[in-house]
Amino acid sequence: MILSTKGVCVHYGAVKALEDVSFNVGKGEIVAMIGPNGAGKSTALKAVFGMVGLKSGDIFFEGESISKLRPDEHVPKGIALVPENRRLFPSMTVMENLEMGAFLRRGNAKDEVEKILDLFPALKNRRNKKAGVLSTGEQQMLALGRALMQKPRLLLADEPSLGLSPSYIDIIFEKLIEINKTGTNVLLVEQNVRMALEIAHRGYVFKIGQIFMEDSGKNLLANKEIEKVFLGGV
């Protein structure tokens, strides 16, 4: 496993956001975390990236405990985060935002920028535009590209389809598959359950701070309970 968590508990004061949660990401996998709002999915992702402290439990990346590391200390380890709502620098250009993604890397980042622009051709002609004038779909591409500038081995994506049109949602999920095929493992939190499970090798279903179901993406899609609760089945 490239990532494994053991008995993770996260409390916000008296509120138990996560209680005894364990999940893994194997090498070569896309893993989806699904569930209703407030179930703890994004908290789990933030715990992996060191954005929230653990009350108990541990998190291992490539066999090494990372649970006490700050977010900036995760980047050199090979973990990158695409945060919810993208959080770009709106007054900076596409190129400047991409270059910011490589601020902890040594050497020339120009070659990597060109690879990102090849992956997201829609950004090529927008490279000198400020991020704030891009469409929401283009901004999500830029957020993904900025994270990939770190050349991560594990990409954490928090609600990448949020606020996007259907055509851009399709593009973003296609790119996640392409990113995974090039060797980057993906841990995905997503409200678009059907799309997430269609691309995921495995999925975890969260409910009130705990995981109550785990299976392959294919099996979860075919599960009648999942269909009824999340996919509009009857």
Protein backbone atom coordinates (compact mmCIF):
# COMPACT_ATOMS: atom_id res chain seq x y z
CA MET A 1 0.00 0.00 0.00
CA ILE A 2 1.23 3.49 -0.80
CA LEU A 3 -1.11 4.97 1.86
CA SER A 4 -2.64 3.32 4.89
CA THR A 5 -4.50 4.78 7.85
CA LYS A 6 -5.10 2.94 11.10
CA GLY A 7 -7.87 3.79 13.59
CA VAL A 8 -7.91 7.51 12.78
CA CYS A 9 -9.95 9.71 15.13
CA VAL A 10 -10.44 13.44 14.57
CA HIS A 11 -12.44 15.53 17.03
CA TYR A 12 -13.48 19.17 16.71
CA GLY A 13 -14.01 19.93 20.36
CA ALA A 14 -16.83 17.65 21.50
CA VAL A 15 -17.75 16.75 17.91
CA LYS A 16 -16.38 13.40 16.68
CA ALA A 17 -15.68 14.09 13.01
CA LEU A 18 -13.93 10.74 12.48
CA GLU A 19 -14.00 7.79 14.85
CA ASP A 20 -11.75 4.75 14.33
CA VAL A 21 -11.47 5.12 10.55
CA SER A 22 -9.06 3.00 8.51
CA PHE A 23 -8.59 3.12 4.73
CA ASN A 24 -5.88 2.39 2.18
CA VAL A 25 -4.67 3.32 -1.29
CA GLY A 26 -2.79 0.63 -3.16
CA LYS A 27 -0.21 1.30 -5.83
CA GLY A 28 -1.82 2.12 -9.16
CA GLU A 29 -5.23 2.81 -7.65
CA ILE A 30 -7.90 5.45 -7.81
CA VAL A 31 -9.80 5.26 -4.52
CA ALA A 32 -13.05 7.19 -3.99
CA MET A 33 -14.53 8.31 -0.68
CA ILE A 34 -18.27 8.94 -0.92
CA GLY A 35 -21.07 9.69 1.51
CA PRO A 36 -23.45 12.48 2.55
CA ASN A 37 -22.31 15.97 3.49
CA GLY A 38 -20.83 16.06 6.98
CA ALA A 39 -19.97 12.34 6.99
CA GLY A 40 -16.24 12.99 7.38
CA LYS A 41 -14.88 12.47 3.87
CA SER A 42 -13.11 15.81 3.51
CA THR A 43 -11.89 15.59 7.11
CA ALA A 44 -10.28 12.25 6.24
CA LEU A 45 -8.56 13.84 3.24
CA LYS A 46 -7.39 16.78 5.34
CA ALA A 47 -6.06 14.37 7.98
CA VAL A 48 -3.94 12.64 5.33
CA PHE A 49 -2.47 16.01 4.30
CA GLY A 50 -1.84 17.15 7.87
CA MET A 51 -4.45 19.92 7.85
CA VAL A 52 -6.19 18.55 10.94
CA GLY A 53 -4.60 16.85 13.92
CA LEU A 54 -5.40 13.31 15.00
CA LYS A 55 -6.80 12.56 18.42
CA SER A 56 -5.59 9.01 17.92
CA GLY A 57 -4.58 6.60 15.17
CA ASP A 58 -1.83 6.86 12.59
CA ILE A 59 -1.28 7.51 8.88
CA PHE A 60 1.47 5.86 6.85
CA PHE A 61 2.79 6.87 3.43
CA GLU A 62 5.05 4.30 1.79
CA GLY A 63 5.47 2.68 5.20
CA GLU A 64 6.49 5.88 7.04
CA SER A 65 4.27 7.59 9.62
CA ILE A 66 3.27 11.05 8.42
CA SER A 67 0.56 11.86 10.97
CA LYS A 68 2.63 14.52 12.74
CA LEU A 69 3.82 16.33 9.61
CA ARG A 70 2.67 19.82 8.58
CA PRO A 71 0.99 20.18 5.16
CA ASP A 72 4.12 21.72 3.59
CA GLU A 73 6.14 18.73 4.81
CA HIS A 74 3.90 16.35 2.85
CA VAL A 75 4.84 17.86 -0.51
CA PRO A 76 8.50 16.71 -0.52
CA LYS A 77 7.27 13.26 0.50
CA GLY A 78 5.29 13.05 -2.74
CA ILE A 79 1.74 14.02 -1.70
CA ALA A 80 -0.19 16.85 -3.37
CA LEU A 81 -3.65 18.26 -2.64
CA VAL A 82 -6.21 19.75 -4.99
CA PRO A 83 -8.39 21.58 -2.45
CA GLU A 84 -12.12 22.10 -2.60
CA ASN A 85 -12.99 25.34 -4.45
CA ARG A 86 -9.58 25.24 -6.16
CA ARG A 87 -8.00 28.11 -4.17
CA LEU A 88 -5.97 29.56 -7.03
CA PHE A 89 -4.25 32.92 -7.06
CA PRO A 90 -6.82 34.87 -9.13
CA SER A 91 -4.60 37.89 -9.83
CA MET A 92 -1.77 35.70 -11.13
CA THR A 93 -1.59 34.20 -14.61
CA VAL A 94 -2.02 30.55 -15.51
CA MET A 95 1.76 30.25 -15.90
CA GLU A 96 2.41 31.91 -12.56
CA ASN A 97 -0.06 29.64 -10.80
CA LEU A 98 1.61 26.59 -12.32
CA GLU A 99 5.04 27.83 -11.32
CA MET A 100 3.78 28.32 -7.76
CA GLY A 101 3.03 24.61 -7.74
CA ALA A 102 6.73 23.92 -8.09
CA PHE A 103 7.97 26.33 -5.43
CA LEU A 104 9.41 23.54 -3.29
CA ARG A 105 11.12 21.82 -6.20
CA ARG A 106 14.67 22.43 -7.26
CA GLY A 107 15.72 23.11 -10.82
CA ASN A 108 13.92 24.39 -13.90
CA ALA A 109 10.16 23.81 -13.93
CA LYS A 110 9.61 24.92 -17.55
CA ASP A 111 9.60 21.39 -18.96
CA GLU A 112 7.05 20.31 -16.37
CA VAL A 113 4.85 23.33 -17.21
CA GLU A 114 4.79 22.24 -20.86
CA LYS A 115 3.77 18.72 -19.84
CA ILE A 116 0.89 20.15 -17.82
CA LEU A 117 -0.21 22.32 -20.76
CA ASP A 118 -0.08 19.25 -23.01
CA LEU A 119 -2.30 17.42 -20.51
CA PHE A 120 -4.73 20.36 -20.41
CA PRO A 121 -4.71 21.84 -23.94
CA ALA A 122 -7.50 24.29 -23.02
CA LEU A 123 -4.98 26.15 -20.84
CA LYS A 124 -2.37 26.54 -23.57
CA ASN A 125 -3.93 29.57 -25.19
CA ARG A 126 -4.84 30.95 -21.78
CA ARG A 127 -1.37 30.71 -20.29
CA ASN A 128 -0.99 34.48 -19.95
CA LYS A 129 -4.54 35.07 -18.69
CA LYS A 130 -5.18 35.70 -15.03
CA ALA A 131 -6.69 32.74 -13.22
CA GLY A 132 -9.60 34.87 -12.03
CA VAL A 133 -10.98 35.30 -15.56
CA LEU A 134 -10.99 31.59 -16.40
CA SER A 135 -14.18 29.55 -16.43
CA THR A 136 -14.74 27.28 -13.42
CA GLY A 137 -13.81 24.28 -15.56
CA GLU A 138 -10.57 25.88 -16.67
CA GLN A 139 -9.83 26.85 -13.08
CA GLN A 140 -10.25 23.21 -11.99
CA MET A 141 -7.84 22.12 -14.73
CA LEU A 142 -5.39 24.71 -13.46
CA ALA A 143 -5.78 23.53 -9.87
CA LEU A 144 -5.05 19.97 -10.97
CA GLY A 145 -2.11 21.15 -13.04
CA ARG A 146 -0.68 23.15 -10.16
CA ALA A 147 -0.78 20.08 -7.91
CA LEU A 148 0.82 17.92 -10.61
CA MET A 149 3.72 20.38 -10.86
CA GLN A 150 4.90 18.81 -7.59
CA LYS A 151 5.20 15.43 -9.40
CA PRO A 152 3.31 13.65 -6.63
CA ARG A 153 3.03 9.91 -6.15
CA LEU A 154 -0.29 10.45 -4.38
CA LEU A 155 -2.81 13.05 -5.53
CA LEU A 156 -5.56 14.05 -3.09
CA ALA A 157 -8.58 15.58 -4.84
CA ASP A 158 -11.34 17.20 -2.79
CA GLU A 159 -14.62 17.59 -4.72
CA PRO A 160 -13.01 18.21 -8.16
CA SER A 161 -16.39 18.35 -9.95
CA LEU A 162 -17.91 20.94 -7.60
CA GLY A 163 -19.60 23.76 -9.51
CA LEU A 164 -18.66 22.46 -12.97
CA SER A 165 -20.84 22.03 -16.04
CA PRO A 166 -21.47 18.43 -17.21
CA SER A 167 -19.00 18.76 -20.08
CA TYR A 168 -16.20 19.90 -17.77
CA ILE A 169 -17.06 17.19 -15.24
CA ASP A 170 -16.48 14.61 -17.98
CA ILE A 171 -13.15 16.21 -18.86
CA ILE A 172 -11.94 16.33 -15.25
CA PHE A 173 -12.74 12.66 -14.63
CA GLU A 174 -11.11 11.66 -17.92
CA LYS A 175 -7.99 13.54 -16.84
CA LEU A 176 -7.98 11.82 -13.45
CA ILE A 177 -7.94 8.47 -15.26
CA GLU A 178 -5.12 9.68 -17.50
CA ILE A 179 -3.15 11.00 -14.50
CA ASN A 180 -3.55 7.65 -12.76
CA LYS A 181 -2.37 5.73 -15.82
CA THR A 182 0.86 7.72 -15.83
CA GLY A 183 1.68 6.39 -12.36
CA THR A 184 0.05 8.81 -9.92
CA ASN A 185 -2.18 7.24 -7.28
CA VAL A 186 -5.41 9.14 -6.58
CA LEU A 187 -7.53 9.51 -3.42
CA LEU A 188 -10.75 11.24 -4.35
CA VAL A 189 -13.54 12.82 -2.29
CA GLU A 190 -16.54 13.41 -4.51
CA GLN A 191 -20.30 14.17 -4.30
CA ASN A 192 -20.85 12.96 -7.87
CA VAL A 193 -21.10 9.37 -6.69
CA ARG A 194 -21.75 7.73 -10.04
CA MET A 195 -18.82 9.38 -11.80
CA ALA A 196 -16.50 8.72 -8.87
CA LEU A 197 -17.34 5.02 -8.66
CA GLU A 198 -17.12 4.61 -12.43
CA ILE A 199 -13.45 5.58 -12.41
CA ALA A 200 -12.49 4.19 -8.97
CA HIS A 201 -10.81 0.86 -8.47
CA ARG A 202 -12.20 0.84 -4.92
CA GLY A 203 -14.48 2.98 -2.81
CA TYR A 204 -15.23 3.73 0.84
CA VAL A 205 -18.70 4.83 1.92
CA PHE A 206 -18.74 7.20 4.91
CA LYS A 207 -21.62 7.67 7.33
CA ILE A 208 -21.47 9.97 10.38
CA GLY A 209 -17.72 9.89 10.87
CA GLN A 210 -17.24 6.20 10.14
CA ILE A 211 -16.82 3.89 7.16
CA PHE A 212 -19.74 1.50 6.87
CA MET A 213 -18.98 -0.05 3.48
CA GLU A 214 -15.93 -0.80 1.32
CA ASP A 215 -15.84 -2.53 -2.06
CA SER A 216 -14.72 -2.19 -5.64
CA GLY A 217 -16.11 0.77 -7.54
CA LYS A 218 -17.97 -1.64 -9.82
CA ASN A 219 -19.60 -3.50 -6.94
CA LEU A 220 -20.60 -0.32 -5.14
CA LEU A 221 -22.25 0.97 -8.32
CA ALA A 222 -24.27 -2.25 -8.49
CA ASN A 223 -25.17 -2.19 -4.78
CA LYS A 224 -28.90 -1.60 -4.30
CA GLU A 225 -28.43 0.35 -1.05
CA ILE A 226 -25.91 2.69 -2.67
CA GLU A 227 -28.22 3.11 -5.66
CA LYS A 228 -31.16 3.98 -3.45
CA VAL A 229 -29.33 6.44 -1.21
CA PHE A 230 -26.95 8.13 -3.66
CA LEU A 231 -28.00 7.37 -7.23
CA GLY A 232 -31.73 8.06 -7.18
CA GLY A 233 -32.85 4.44 -7.30
CA VAL A 234 -36.03 3.18 -5.68
